[in-house]
Amino acid sequence: MNTEKKRKKRYGVQKRLMRFTVVQLFIIIMIISSAVAYIMREYVKEYSLEKYQYVNMRLGISMDSAFKDTDNVTDNYSKNIYLQEILLEKEPDPIDKTNINRALSYFQLNNVDAIVYIDNKENVYPTNLSYSNIDLNSLYGSAVYDAIREDYSKTRWVWMEDTIFNSGKPSLFVARRIRHIDYNKDPGLLLIQMNDNFYNSLLEASHAPEDASYYILDSDGEICYQRNPETYDEEDSDREWLEMFWQQEELVYDNYIELDNKVVYINENADTGFRIVTMVPNKIVFGSLYQLLYFIVLVFLLACGISAIVSSIFAKAFTKPIKQINKSMLAFDGSTQQKQ
C-alpha cells in the first residue's frame, strides 16, 4: 500500500502536467476549428450557389439558342420558293414533289428524327419514306395542332406522345404554319420531330456538372427530360416540389430557392414556356466543407497524439529533478528511522 501511494505521488505531477497540456490544446483547436468551419461554411455556400446559378443560367441560354435554331430553320422553310409555290398549285406533279423533298433534306439542325411538310391539300412530303404514312386524323386531334391552331405563323414546341408517326414514344415536336407571302391561301404545316439526344445536347453545350439533377418541363409542367447523378436519391427528386414550383405564378428566376435538403434553380424560356430546373442537394453544396472538416478532424487527432507524446517527454524532463529529490528524501527518511 505504501509503495503504491508513493508511486502515485511520484507520477502525479507528470500526469497533471500532461493532462493540462492536452486539454489546453484541445480547447484551442476546438475554438479555431469552430471559427474556421463557420467562416468556410459561408464561403463554400456562397461559392457553390454562385456556381450552380451560373450553370442554370448557361442552360437557359442553351435553350434560348436551341429555340432560335429551330425558329430560323422553320422561317427559312416558310420562305422556300418550292414550299411557297405548292400552296398555289392545285395538285403537285412529280417534279414539285422532288423539289420539295430536296429542299426539306437540306436543313441545318441537329438531333432531328424527321421533317415532314404537309401542304394545304393534305399532300405529305417526308424527308424519309418511313414517315410518309402519317395519320392526318391523329395529327389534327393532337396537341401539336392545338398549339398552332390559332397562330398565324409561329414556331411552337410541343412535348407529347408520338401518335403522328406511330412510334408511341414521347417526343419533342417543332411545328409551324407555312403561309404564302403574297396571297391569302390556306396554310401548309411544317413538322419536325426531335430525337432523344436533343435535351442531352443542351446539357453538354452548357458543360453542366454531373453531381446535380436537371429537369426540363414543358409548358404544362410535364417532365420532358431528367438527368440525375450516380449518387441519385429518390427522395432528392420528389415530384411534389416540382409541382410546387409549377403552381407558383411568380418565380424569381435570377435567384435560387432553398428547401429542406436541397437548393433549386429555375429558368424559363419565354418563347416556349419550357422550364429548366437544376436541383443541388445540400450534401453537394457543402461537399467541400465536409472534406475540410474531415481534414481538420484528422489534423486535430494528429495534433493531440503529438501533443501527448511531447507532453510526456517534457513532463519527464521537468519532473526528473523532483523525482530525484523525492527519492533522496525517502532514502533519508528510511535511514533516519533505522537509526531510531
C-alpha atoms as a PDB file:
ATOM      1  CA  MET A   1       0.000   0.000   0.000  1.00  0.00           C
ATOM      2  CA  ASN A   2       2.730   2.480   0.952  1.00  0.00           C
ATOM      3  CA  THR A   3       4.642   1.690  -2.255  1.00  0.00           C
ATOM      4  CA  GLU A   4       1.534   2.337  -4.454  1.00  0.00           C
ATOM      5  CA  LYS A   5       0.839   5.639  -2.708  1.00  0.00           C
ATOM      6  CA  LYS A   6       4.440   6.674  -3.236  1.00  0.00           C
ATOM      7  CA  ARG A   7       4.143   5.866  -6.984  1.00  0.00           C
ATOM      8  CA  LYS A   8       1.018   7.975  -7.256  1.00  0.00           C
ATOM      9  CA  LYS A   9       2.767  10.839  -5.563  1.00  0.00           C
ATOM     10  CA  ARG A  10       5.835  10.295  -7.679  1.00  0.00           C
ATOM     11  CA  TYR A  11       3.968  10.461 -11.013  1.00  0.00           C
ATOM     12  CA  GLY A  12       1.121  12.808 -10.030  1.00  0.00           C
ATOM     13  CA  VAL A  13       2.870  15.976 -11.221  1.00  0.00           C
ATOM     14  CA  GLN A  14       3.792  14.394 -14.546  1.00  0.00           C
ATOM     15  CA  LYS A  15       0.233  13.244 -15.230  1.00  0.00           C
ATOM     16  CA  ARG A  16      -1.300  16.574 -14.261  1.00  0.00           C
ATOM     17  CA  LEU A  17       1.131  18.458 -16.498  1.00  0.00           C
ATOM     18  CA  MET A  18       0.404  16.183 -19.464  1.00  0.00           C
ATOM     19  CA  ARG A  19      -3.370  16.417 -18.925  1.00  0.00           C
ATOM     20  CA  PHE A  20      -3.208  20.192 -18.640  1.00  0.00           C
ATOM     21  CA  THR A  21      -1.252  20.474 -21.893  1.00  0.00           C
ATOM     22  CA  VAL A  22      -3.567  18.156 -23.830  1.00  0.00           C
ATOM     23  CA  VAL A  23      -6.752  19.789 -22.528  1.00  0.00           C
ATOM     24  CA  GLN A  24      -5.398  23.239 -23.273  1.00  0.00           C
ATOM     25  CA  LEU A  25      -4.504  22.175 -26.821  1.00  0.00           C
ATOM     26  CA  PHE A  26      -7.922  20.551 -27.232  1.00  0.00           C
ATOM     27  CA  ILE A  27      -9.714  23.776 -26.258  1.00  0.00           C
ATOM     28  CA  ILE A  28      -7.563  25.907 -28.562  1.00  0.00           C
ATOM     29  CA  ILE A  29      -8.067  23.564 -31.528  1.00  0.00           C
ATOM     30  CA  MET A  30     -11.825  23.362 -30.911  1.00  0.00           C
ATOM     31  CA  ILE A  31     -12.116  27.154 -30.893  1.00  0.00           C
ATOM     32  CA  ILE A  32     -10.030  27.511 -34.040  1.00  0.00           C
ATOM     33  CA  SER A  33     -11.877  24.656 -35.788  1.00  0.00           C
ATOM     34  CA  SER A  34     -15.286  26.141 -34.960  1.00  0.00           C
ATOM     35  CA  ALA A  35     -14.245  29.555 -36.253  1.00  0.00           C
ATOM     36  CA  VAL A  36     -12.751  28.080 -39.440  1.00  0.00           C
ATOM     37  CA  ALA A  37     -15.815  25.880 -40.008  1.00  0.00           C
ATOM     38  CA  TYR A  38     -18.198  28.827 -39.626  1.00  0.00           C
ATOM     39  CA  ILE A  39     -16.218  31.084 -41.945  1.00  0.00           C
ATOM     40  CA  MET A  40     -15.666  28.368 -44.527  1.00  0.00           C
ATOM     41  CA  ARG A  41     -19.316  27.313 -44.401  1.00  0.00           C
ATOM     42  CA  GLU A  42     -20.434  30.744 -45.548  1.00  0.00           C
ATOM     43  CA  TYR A  43     -17.692  30.931 -48.163  1.00  0.00           C
ATOM     44  CA  VAL A  44     -18.337  27.420 -49.532  1.00  0.00           C
ATOM     45  CA  LYS A  45     -22.085  28.013 -49.605  1.00  0.00           C
ATOM     46  CA  GLU A  46     -21.728  31.304 -51.475  1.00  0.00           C
ATOM     47  CA  TYR A  47     -19.265  29.789 -53.951  1.00  0.00           C
ATOM     48  CA  SER A  48     -21.438  26.710 -54.615  1.00  0.00           C
ATOM     49  CA  LEU A  49     -24.627  28.732 -55.009  1.00  0.00           C
ATOM     50  CA  GLU A  50     -22.986  31.087 -57.496  1.00  0.00           C
ATOM     51  CA  LYS A  51     -21.503  28.121 -59.366  1.00  0.00           C
ATOM     52  CA  TYR A  52     -24.831  26.355 -59.937  1.00  0.00           C
ATOM     53  CA  GLN A  53     -26.642  29.612 -60.563  1.00  0.00           C
ATOM     54  CA  TYR A  54     -24.206  30.197 -63.400  1.00  0.00           C
ATOM     55  CA  VAL A  55     -24.784  26.619 -64.630  1.00  0.00           C
ATOM     56  CA  ASN A  56     -28.557  27.150 -64.675  1.00  0.00           C
ATOM     57  CA  MET A  57     -28.101  30.451 -66.496  1.00  0.00           C
ATOM     58  CA  ARG A  58     -25.996  28.690 -69.160  1.00  0.00           C
ATOM     59  CA  LEU A  59     -28.703  26.057 -69.528  1.00  0.00           C
ATOM     60  CA  GLY A  60     -31.245  28.814 -70.092  1.00  0.00           C
ATOM     61  CA  ILE A  61     -29.010  30.356 -72.729  1.00  0.00           C
ATOM     62  CA  SER A  62     -28.615  26.943 -74.412  1.00  0.00           C
ATOM     63  CA  MET A  63     -32.369  26.512 -74.562  1.00  0.00           C
ATOM     64  CA  ASP A  64     -32.821  30.040 -75.951  1.00  0.00           C
ATOM     65  CA  SER A  65     -30.223  29.247 -78.585  1.00  0.00           C
ATOM     66  CA  ALA A  66     -31.906  25.915 -79.423  1.00  0.00           C
ATOM     67  CA  PHE A  67     -35.244  27.640 -79.934  1.00  0.00           C
ATOM     68  CA  LYS A  68     -33.669  30.268 -82.160  1.00  0.00           C
ATOM     69  CA  ASP A  69     -32.098  27.499 -84.244  1.00  0.00           C
ATOM     70  CA  THR A  70     -35.457  25.781 -84.744  1.00  0.00           C
ATOM     71  CA  ASP A  71     -37.151  29.128 -85.414  1.00  0.00           C
ATOM     72  CA  ASN A  72     -34.551  30.033 -88.047  1.00  0.00           C
ATOM     73  CA  VAL A  73     -34.975  26.667 -89.771  1.00  0.00           C
ATOM     74  CA  THR A  74     -38.765  26.893 -89.896  1.00  0.00           C
ATOM     75  CA  ASP A  75     -38.537  30.524 -91.007  1.00  0.00           C
ATOM     76  CA  ASN A  76     -36.211  29.587 -93.869  1.00  0.00           C
ATOM     77  CA  TYR A  77     -38.582  26.811 -94.915  1.00  0.00           C
ATOM     78  CA  SER A  78     -41.541  29.188 -94.810  1.00  0.00           C
ATOM     79  CA  LYS A  79     -39.772  31.359 -97.393  1.00  0.00           C
ATOM     80  CA  ASN A  80     -38.644  28.493 -99.583  1.00  0.00           C
ATOM     81  CA  ILE A  81     -39.827  29.012-103.165  1.00  0.00           C
ATOM     82  CA  TYR A  82     -40.948  25.412-103.647  1.00  0.00           C
ATOM     83  CA  LEU A  83     -42.949  25.300-100.411  1.00  0.00           C
ATOM     84  CA  GLN A  84     -44.491  28.627-101.360  1.00  0.00           C
ATOM     85  CA  GLU A  85     -45.421  27.629-104.917  1.00  0.00           C
ATOM     86  CA  ILE A  86     -47.125  24.428-103.898  1.00  0.00           C
ATOM     87  CA  LEU A  87     -49.629  26.464-101.891  1.00  0.00           C
ATOM     88  CA  LEU A  88     -50.847  27.959-105.175  1.00  0.00           C
ATOM     89  CA  GLU A  89     -50.859  24.812-107.313  1.00  0.00           C
ATOM     90  CA  LYS A  90     -53.892  22.606-107.478  1.00  0.00           C
ATOM     91  CA  GLU A  91     -52.005  19.341-107.251  1.00  0.00           C
ATOM     92  CA  PRO A  92     -48.231  18.754-107.191  1.00  0.00           C
ATOM     93  CA  ASP A  93     -46.596  16.949-110.063  1.00  0.00           C
ATOM     94  CA  PRO A  94     -43.578  14.614-109.614  1.00  0.00           C
ATOM     95  CA  ILE A  95     -41.146  17.498-110.188  1.00  0.00           C
ATOM     96  CA  ASP A  96     -42.815  19.541-107.437  1.00  0.00           C
ATOM     97  CA  LYS A  97     -42.555  16.625-105.040  1.00  0.00           C
ATOM     98  CA  THR A  98     -38.899  16.101-105.889  1.00  0.00           C
ATOM     99  CA  ASN A  99     -38.092  19.789-105.396  1.00  0.00           C
ATOM    100  CA  ILE A 100     -39.854  19.924-102.029  1.00  0.00           C
ATOM    101  CA  ASN A 101     -38.264  16.700-100.770  1.00  0.00           C
ATOM    102  CA  ARG A 102     -34.864  18.006-101.857  1.00  0.00           C
ATOM    103  CA  ALA A 103     -35.485  21.322-100.077  1.00  0.00           C
ATOM    104  CA  LEU A 104     -36.502  19.538 -96.887  1.00  0.00           C
ATOM    105  CA  SER A 105     -33.332  17.443 -96.987  1.00  0.00           C
ATOM    106  CA  TYR A 106     -31.083  20.486 -96.691  1.00  0.00           C
ATOM    107  CA  PHE A 107     -31.625  21.621 -93.149  1.00  0.00           C
ATOM    108  CA  GLN A 108     -29.119  22.959 -90.616  1.00  0.00           C
ATOM    109  CA  LEU A 109     -30.445  21.461 -87.427  1.00  0.00           C
ATOM    110  CA  ASN A 110     -29.036  18.759 -85.171  1.00  0.00           C
ATOM    111  CA  ASN A 111     -30.796  15.931 -83.339  1.00  0.00           C
ATOM    112  CA  VAL A 112     -33.652  15.579 -85.834  1.00  0.00           C
ATOM    113  CA  ASP A 113     -35.604  12.350 -86.361  1.00  0.00           C
ATOM    114  CA  ALA A 114     -37.939  13.529 -89.101  1.00  0.00           C
ATOM    115  CA  ILE A 115     -39.062  16.574 -91.085  1.00  0.00           C
ATOM    116  CA  VAL A 116     -42.411  16.486 -92.814  1.00  0.00           C
ATOM    117  CA  TYR A 117     -44.244  19.134 -94.811  1.00  0.00           C
ATOM    118  CA  ILE A 118     -47.994  18.906 -95.353  1.00  0.00           C
ATOM    119  CA  ASP A 119     -49.374  21.307 -97.935  1.00  0.00           C
ATOM    120  CA  ASN A 120     -52.837  22.894 -97.923  1.00  0.00           C
ATOM    121  CA  LYS A 121     -54.184  19.983 -99.968  1.00  0.00           C
ATOM    122  CA  GLU A 122     -53.027  17.399 -97.377  1.00  0.00           C
ATOM    123  CA  ASN A 123     -50.194  16.080 -99.526  1.00  0.00           C
ATOM    124  CA  VAL A 124     -47.364  14.750 -97.371  1.00  0.00           C
ATOM    125  CA  TYR A 125     -43.683  15.400 -98.174  1.00  0.00           C
ATOM    126  CA  PRO A 126     -41.367  13.469 -95.835  1.00  0.00           C
ATOM    127  CA  THR A 127     -37.571  13.505 -95.727  1.00  0.00           C
ATOM    128  CA  ASN A 128     -37.747   9.765 -95.143  1.00  0.00           C
ATOM    129  CA  LEU A 129     -40.229   7.376 -96.752  1.00  0.00           C
ATOM    130  CA  SER A 130     -40.814   5.665 -93.410  1.00  0.00           C
ATOM    131  CA  TYR A 131     -42.563   8.855 -92.272  1.00  0.00           C
ATOM    132  CA  SER A 132     -44.842   9.149 -95.297  1.00  0.00           C
ATOM    133  CA  ASN A 133     -47.777   7.250 -93.791  1.00  0.00           C
ATOM    134  CA  ILE A 134     -48.985   9.935 -91.414  1.00  0.00           C
ATOM    135  CA  ASP A 135     -52.343   9.583 -89.745  1.00  0.00           C
ATOM    136  CA  LEU A 136     -53.739  13.038 -90.504  1.00  0.00           C
ATOM    137  CA  ASN A 137     -56.724  12.497 -88.207  1.00  0.00           C
ATOM    138  CA  SER A 138     -54.326  11.873 -85.315  1.00  0.00           C
ATOM    139  CA  LEU A 139     -52.394  14.972 -86.344  1.00  0.00           C
ATOM    140  CA  TYR A 140     -55.483  17.189 -86.359  1.00  0.00           C
ATOM    141  CA  GLY A 141     -56.509  15.883 -82.964  1.00  0.00           C
ATOM    142  CA  SER A 142     -53.043  16.194 -81.408  1.00  0.00           C
ATOM    143  CA  ALA A 143     -51.536  18.720 -79.025  1.00  0.00           C
ATOM    144  CA  VAL A 144     -49.240  19.881 -81.840  1.00  0.00           C
ATOM    145  CA  TYR A 145     -52.150  21.001 -83.972  1.00  0.00           C
ATOM    146  CA  ASP A 146     -53.874  22.595 -80.979  1.00  0.00           C
ATOM    147  CA  ALA A 147     -50.716  24.618 -80.290  1.00  0.00           C
ATOM    148  CA  ILE A 148     -50.615  26.159 -83.785  1.00  0.00           C
ATOM    149  CA  ARG A 149     -54.364  26.269 -84.443  1.00  0.00           C
ATOM    150  CA  GLU A 150     -54.699  29.965 -83.587  1.00  0.00           C
ATOM    151  CA  ASP A 151     -51.211  31.004 -84.723  1.00  0.00           C
ATOM    152  CA  TYR A 152     -50.639  32.885 -87.945  1.00  0.00           C
ATOM    153  CA  SER A 153     -47.106  31.594 -88.405  1.00  0.00           C
ATOM    154  CA  LYS A 154     -45.101  30.978 -85.229  1.00  0.00           C
ATOM    155  CA  THR A 155     -42.688  28.254 -84.241  1.00  0.00           C
ATOM    156  CA  ARG A 156     -44.069  26.100 -81.453  1.00  0.00           C
ATOM    157  CA  TRP A 157     -42.530  23.410 -79.267  1.00  0.00           C
ATOM    158  CA  VAL A 158     -44.817  20.610 -78.091  1.00  0.00           C
ATOM    159  CA  TRP A 159     -43.884  17.632 -75.939  1.00  0.00           C
ATOM    160  CA  MET A 160     -46.266  14.719 -76.411  1.00  0.00           C
ATOM    161  CA  GLU A 161     -46.561  11.032 -77.116  1.00  0.00           C
ATOM    162  CA  ASP A 162     -45.951  10.341 -80.780  1.00  0.00           C
ATOM    163  CA  THR A 163     -49.286   9.402 -82.311  1.00  0.00           C
ATOM    164  CA  ILE A 164     -48.439  11.085 -85.625  1.00  0.00           C
ATOM    165  CA  PHE A 165     -45.643   8.765 -86.763  1.00  0.00           C
ATOM    166  CA  ASN A 166     -46.954   5.958 -84.542  1.00  0.00           C
ATOM    167  CA  SER A 167     -43.718   5.370 -82.642  1.00  0.00           C
ATOM    168  CA  GLY A 168     -45.615   5.726 -79.353  1.00  0.00           C
ATOM    169  CA  LYS A 169     -42.674   7.324 -77.573  1.00  0.00           C
ATOM    170  CA  PRO A 170     -42.780  10.814 -76.014  1.00  0.00           C
ATOM    171  CA  SER A 171     -41.066  13.274 -78.337  1.00  0.00           C
ATOM    172  CA  LEU A 172     -40.476  16.961 -78.841  1.00  0.00           C
ATOM    173  CA  PHE A 173     -42.236  18.269 -81.932  1.00  0.00           C
ATOM    174  CA  VAL A 174     -41.452  21.598 -83.577  1.00  0.00           C
ATOM    175  CA  ALA A 175     -44.338  22.896 -85.679  1.00  0.00           C
ATOM    176  CA  ARG A 176     -45.118  25.956 -87.786  1.00  0.00           C
ATOM    177  CA  ARG A 177     -47.792  27.001 -90.240  1.00  0.00           C
ATOM    178  CA  ILE A 178     -46.400  27.838 -93.682  1.00  0.00           C
ATOM    179  CA  ARG A 179     -48.361  30.675 -95.271  1.00  0.00           C
ATOM    180  CA  HIS A 180     -47.995  32.203 -98.697  1.00  0.00           C
ATOM    181  CA  ILE A 181     -46.153  35.511 -98.553  1.00  0.00           C
ATOM    182  CA  ASP A 182     -48.232  37.312-101.186  1.00  0.00           C
ATOM    183  CA  TYR A 183     -51.608  35.574-101.328  1.00  0.00           C
ATOM    184  CA  ASN A 184     -54.192  34.670 -98.763  1.00  0.00           C
ATOM    185  CA  LYS A 185     -54.203  30.921 -99.167  1.00  0.00           C
ATOM    186  CA  ASP A 186     -54.802  28.094 -96.717  1.00  0.00           C
ATOM    187  CA  PRO A 187     -51.528  27.395 -94.915  1.00  0.00           C
ATOM    188  CA  GLY A 188     -49.404  24.288 -95.010  1.00  0.00           C
ATOM    189  CA  LEU A 189     -47.787  22.694 -91.972  1.00  0.00           C
ATOM    190  CA  LEU A 190     -44.121  22.029 -91.262  1.00  0.00           C
ATOM    191  CA  LEU A 191     -43.497  19.379 -88.613  1.00  0.00           C
ATOM    192  CA  ILE A 192     -40.117  18.444 -87.128  1.00  0.00           C
ATOM    193  CA  GLN A 193     -39.628  15.595 -84.678  1.00  0.00           C
ATOM    194  CA  MET A 194     -36.521  15.904 -82.497  1.00  0.00           C
ATOM    195  CA  ASN A 195     -34.678  12.815 -81.272  1.00  0.00           C
ATOM    196  CA  ASP A 196     -33.838  11.716 -77.728  1.00  0.00           C
ATOM    197  CA  ASN A 197     -30.403  13.348 -77.763  1.00  0.00           C
ATOM    198  CA  PHE A 198     -31.821  16.855 -78.140  1.00  0.00           C
ATOM    199  CA  TYR A 199     -32.019  17.575 -74.405  1.00  0.00           C
ATOM    200  CA  ASN A 200     -28.673  15.893 -73.713  1.00  0.00           C
ATOM    201  CA  SER A 201     -27.099  18.301 -76.172  1.00  0.00           C
ATOM    202  CA  LEU A 202     -28.388  21.260 -74.128  1.00  0.00           C
ATOM    203  CA  LEU A 203     -26.593  19.994 -71.020  1.00  0.00           C
ATOM    204  CA  GLU A 204     -23.440  19.159 -72.951  1.00  0.00           C
ATOM    205  CA  ALA A 205     -23.379  22.627 -74.518  1.00  0.00           C
ATOM    206  CA  SER A 206     -23.691  24.138 -71.040  1.00  0.00           C
ATOM    207  CA  HIS A 207     -20.990  21.885 -69.511  1.00  0.00           C
ATOM    208  CA  ALA A 208     -23.420  21.028 -66.725  1.00  0.00           C
ATOM    209  CA  PRO A 209     -21.690  19.261 -63.785  1.00  0.00           C
ATOM    210  CA  GLU A 210     -22.744  15.669 -63.247  1.00  0.00           C
ATOM    211  CA  ASP A 211     -23.237  15.980 -59.477  1.00  0.00           C
ATOM    212  CA  ALA A 212     -26.573  17.842 -59.778  1.00  0.00           C
ATOM    213  CA  SER A 213     -30.014  16.845 -61.044  1.00  0.00           C
ATOM    214  CA  TYR A 214     -31.547  18.559 -64.075  1.00  0.00           C
ATOM    215  CA  TYR A 215     -35.159  18.621 -65.226  1.00  0.00           C
ATOM    216  CA  ILE A 216     -36.809  20.109 -68.308  1.00  0.00           C
ATOM    217  CA  LEU A 217     -40.532  20.739 -68.002  1.00  0.00           C
ATOM    218  CA  ASP A 218     -42.858  21.616 -70.841  1.00  0.00           C
ATOM    219  CA  SER A 219     -45.426  24.433 -70.828  1.00  0.00           C
ATOM    220  CA  ASP A 220     -47.892  22.172 -68.958  1.00  0.00           C
ATOM    221  CA  GLY A 221     -45.416  21.165 -66.267  1.00  0.00           C
ATOM    222  CA  GLU A 222     -44.768  17.675 -67.621  1.00  0.00           C
ATOM    223  CA  ILE A 223     -41.241  16.342 -67.217  1.00  0.00           C
ATOM    224  CA  CYS A 224     -39.715  16.052 -70.694  1.00  0.00           C
ATOM    225  CA  TYR A 225     -36.262  15.158 -69.531  1.00  0.00           C
ATOM    226  CA  GLN A 226     -34.293  14.479 -66.377  1.00  0.00           C
ATOM    227  CA  ARG A 227     -30.697  13.626 -65.628  1.00  0.00           C
ATOM    228  CA  ASN A 228     -29.556  12.537 -62.201  1.00  0.00           C
ATOM    229  CA  PRO A 229     -26.084  11.867 -60.795  1.00  0.00           C
ATOM    230  CA  GLU A 230     -24.834   8.388 -59.964  1.00  0.00           C
ATOM    231  CA  THR A 231     -25.499   9.116 -56.278  1.00  0.00           C
ATOM    232  CA  TYR A 232     -29.134   9.865 -57.150  1.00  0.00           C
ATOM    233  CA  ASP A 233     -31.510   9.537 -54.211  1.00  0.00           C
ATOM    234  CA  GLU A 234     -35.212   9.142 -54.975  1.00  0.00           C
ATOM    235  CA  GLU A 235     -36.066  11.481 -52.091  1.00  0.00           C
ATOM    236  CA  ASP A 236     -33.979  14.254 -53.655  1.00  0.00           C
ATOM    237  CA  SER A 237     -36.155  14.278 -56.770  1.00  0.00           C
ATOM    238  CA  ASP A 238     -39.675  14.170 -55.434  1.00  0.00           C
ATOM    239  CA  ARG A 239     -42.348  15.152 -57.912  1.00  0.00           C
ATOM    240  CA  GLU A 240     -44.077  17.244 -55.231  1.00  0.00           C
ATOM    241  CA  TRP A 241     -41.545  20.059 -55.165  1.00  0.00           C
ATOM    242  CA  LEU A 242     -41.565  20.269 -58.979  1.00  0.00           C
ATOM    243  CA  GLU A 243     -45.337  20.658 -58.903  1.00  0.00           C
ATOM    244  CA  MET A 244     -44.976  23.272 -56.180  1.00  0.00           C
ATOM    245  CA  PHE A 245     -42.804  25.365 -58.466  1.00  0.00           C
ATOM    246  CA  TRP A 246     -45.208  24.954 -61.333  1.00  0.00           C
ATOM    247  CA  GLN A 247     -48.133  26.204 -59.265  1.00  0.00           C
ATOM    248  CA  GLN A 248     -46.341  29.422 -58.348  1.00  0.00           C
ATOM    249  CA  GLU A 249     -47.349  32.265 -60.620  1.00  0.00           C
ATOM    250  CA  GLU A 250     -44.316  34.412 -59.871  1.00  0.00           C
ATOM    251  CA  LEU A 251     -40.863  32.937 -59.528  1.00  0.00           C
ATOM    252  CA  VAL A 252     -37.502  34.612 -59.064  1.00  0.00           C
ATOM    253  CA  TYR A 253     -35.577  33.107 -61.954  1.00  0.00           C
ATOM    254  CA  ASP A 254     -32.372  35.021 -61.289  1.00  0.00           C
ATOM    255  CA  ASN A 255     -32.009  33.525 -57.813  1.00  0.00           C
ATOM    256  CA  TYR A 256     -32.317  30.216 -56.011  1.00  0.00           C
ATOM    257  CA  ILE A 257     -34.815  28.673 -53.629  1.00  0.00           C
ATOM    258  CA  GLU A 258     -33.690  26.739 -50.560  1.00  0.00           C
ATOM    259  CA  LEU A 259     -35.786  23.762 -49.471  1.00  0.00           C
ATOM    260  CA  ASP A 260     -35.213  21.368 -46.559  1.00  0.00           C
ATOM    261  CA  ASN A 261     -32.307  19.441 -48.021  1.00  0.00           C
ATOM    262  CA  LYS A 262     -31.737  20.965 -51.449  1.00  0.00           C
ATOM    263  CA  VAL A 263     -31.202  24.160 -53.411  1.00  0.00           C
ATOM    264  CA  VAL A 264     -33.265  24.680 -56.559  1.00  0.00           C
ATOM    265  CA  TYR A 265     -32.711  26.975 -59.543  1.00  0.00           C
ATOM    266  CA  ILE A 266     -35.264  27.550 -62.262  1.00  0.00           C
ATOM    267  CA  ASN A 267     -35.117  29.178 -65.661  1.00  0.00           C
ATOM    268  CA  GLU A 268     -37.963  29.664 -68.157  1.00  0.00           C
ATOM    269  CA  ASN A 269     -37.806  30.093 -71.898  1.00  0.00           C
ATOM    270  CA  ALA A 270     -40.213  32.887 -72.812  1.00  0.00           C
ATOM    271  CA  ASP A 271     -40.826  31.609 -76.352  1.00  0.00           C
ATOM    272  CA  THR A 272     -41.795  28.043 -75.479  1.00  0.00           C
ATOM    273  CA  GLY A 273     -42.847  28.193 -71.825  1.00  0.00           C
ATOM    274  CA  PHE A 274     -40.418  25.331 -71.134  1.00  0.00           C
ATOM    275  CA  ARG A 275     -38.545  25.484 -67.837  1.00  0.00           C
ATOM    276  CA  ILE A 276     -35.152  24.193 -66.814  1.00  0.00           C
ATOM    277  CA  VAL A 277     -34.837  23.179 -63.173  1.00  0.00           C
ATOM    278  CA  THR A 278     -31.490  22.498 -61.523  1.00  0.00           C
ATOM    279  CA  MET A 279     -31.598  20.722 -58.162  1.00  0.00           C
ATOM    280  CA  VAL A 280     -28.495  20.534 -55.961  1.00  0.00           C
ATOM    281  CA  PRO A 281     -28.639  18.552 -52.677  1.00  0.00           C
ATOM    282  CA  ASN A 282     -27.057  20.171 -49.631  1.00  0.00           C
ATOM    283  CA  LYS A 283     -24.537  17.333 -49.481  1.00  0.00           C
ATOM    284  CA  ILE A 284     -23.205  18.623 -52.819  1.00  0.00           C
ATOM    285  CA  VAL A 285     -23.430  22.309 -51.879  1.00  0.00           C
ATOM    286  CA  PHE A 286     -21.426  21.700 -48.717  1.00  0.00           C
ATOM    287  CA  GLY A 287     -19.385  18.789 -50.056  1.00  0.00           C
ATOM    288  CA  SER A 288     -16.070  20.661 -49.976  1.00  0.00           C
ATOM    289  CA  LEU A 289     -16.877  21.891 -46.457  1.00  0.00           C
ATOM    290  CA  TYR A 290     -17.362  18.316 -45.261  1.00  0.00           C
ATOM    291  CA  GLN A 291     -13.995  17.429 -46.755  1.00  0.00           C
ATOM    292  CA  LEU A 292     -12.425  20.388 -44.963  1.00  0.00           C
ATOM    293  CA  LEU A 293     -13.973  19.375 -41.631  1.00  0.00           C
ATOM    294  CA  TYR A 294     -12.746  15.826 -42.151  1.00  0.00           C
ATOM    295  CA  PHE A 295      -9.256  17.179 -42.749  1.00  0.00           C
ATOM    296  CA  ILE A 296      -9.494  19.380 -39.618  1.00  0.00           C
ATOM    297  CA  VAL A 297     -10.518  16.368 -37.511  1.00  0.00           C
ATOM    298  CA  LEU A 298      -7.556  14.379 -38.817  1.00  0.00           C
ATOM    299  CA  VAL A 299      -5.200  17.270 -38.051  1.00  0.00           C
ATOM    300  CA  PHE A 300      -6.763  17.611 -34.617  1.00  0.00           C
ATOM    301  CA  LEU A 301      -6.263  13.921 -33.793  1.00  0.00           C
ATOM    302  CA  LEU A 302      -2.705  14.053 -35.094  1.00  0.00           C
ATOM    303  CA  ALA A 303      -2.005  17.196 -33.041  1.00  0.00           C
ATOM    304  CA  CYS A 304      -3.422  15.574 -29.904  1.00  0.00           C
ATOM    305  CA  GLY A 305      -1.270  12.498 -30.440  1.00  0.00           C
ATOM    306  CA  ILE A 306       1.877  14.566 -30.982  1.00  0.00           C
ATOM    307  CA  SER A 307       0.964  16.772 -28.025  1.00  0.00           C
ATOM    308  CA  ALA A 308       0.569  13.736 -25.767  1.00  0.00           C
ATOM    309  CA  ILE A 309       3.986  12.409 -26.795  1.00  0.00           C
ATOM    310  CA  VAL A 310       5.721  15.797 -26.462  1.00  0.00           C
ATOM    311  CA  SER A 311       3.984  16.485 -23.149  1.00  0.00           C
ATOM    312  CA  SER A 312       5.069  13.104 -21.842  1.00  0.00           C
ATOM    313  CA  ILE A 313       8.700  13.766 -22.815  1.00  0.00           C
ATOM    314  CA  PHE A 314       8.608  17.305 -21.426  1.00  0.00           C
ATOM    315  CA  ALA A 315       6.892  16.162 -18.232  1.00  0.00           C
ATOM    316  CA  LYS A 316       9.539  13.515 -17.643  1.00  0.00           C
ATOM    317  CA  ALA A 317      12.299  16.058 -18.112  1.00  0.00           C
ATOM    318  CA  PHE A 318      10.507  18.584 -15.927  1.00  0.00           C
ATOM    319  CA  THR A 319       9.750  16.158 -13.098  1.00  0.00           C
ATOM    320  CA  LYS A 320      13.086  14.348 -13.129  1.00  0.00           C
ATOM    321  CA  PRO A 321      14.705  16.695 -10.542  1.00  0.00           C
ATOM    322  CA  ILE A 322      11.606  16.425  -8.401  1.00  0.00           C
ATOM    323  CA  LYS A 323      11.752  12.651  -8.567  1.00  0.00           C
ATOM    324  CA  GLN A 324      15.408  12.696  -7.533  1.00  0.00           C
ATOM    325  CA  ILE A 325      14.688  14.986  -4.580  1.00  0.00           C
ATOM    326  CA  ASN A 326      11.732  12.822  -3.613  1.00  0.00           C
ATOM    327  CA  LYS A 327      13.877   9.693  -3.836  1.00  0.00           C
ATOM    328  CA  SER A 328      16.580  11.261  -1.716  1.00  0.00           C
ATOM    329  CA  MET A 329      14.044  12.368   0.865  1.00  0.00           C
ATOM    330  CA  LEU A 330      12.542   8.897   1.030  1.00  0.00           C
ATOM    331  CA  ALA A 331      16.020   7.394   1.426  1.00  0.00           C
ATOM    332  CA  PHE A 332      16.871   9.944   4.111  1.00  0.00           C
ATOM    333  CA  ASP A 333      13.628   9.245   5.913  1.00  0.00           C
ATOM    334  CA  GLY A 334      14.317   5.495   5.804  1.00  0.00           C
ATOM    335  CA  SER A 335      17.850   5.821   7.167  1.00  0.00           C
ATOM    336  CA  THR A 336      16.624   8.077   9.982  1.00  0.00           C
ATOM    337  CA  GLN A 337      14.010   5.554  11.001  1.00  0.00           C
ATOM    338  CA  GLN A 338      16.621   2.777  11.064  1.00  0.00           C
ATOM    339  CA  LYS A 339      18.867   4.795  13.400  1.00  0.00           C
ATOM    340  CA  GLN A 340      15.981   5.357  15.690  1.00  0.00           C
END
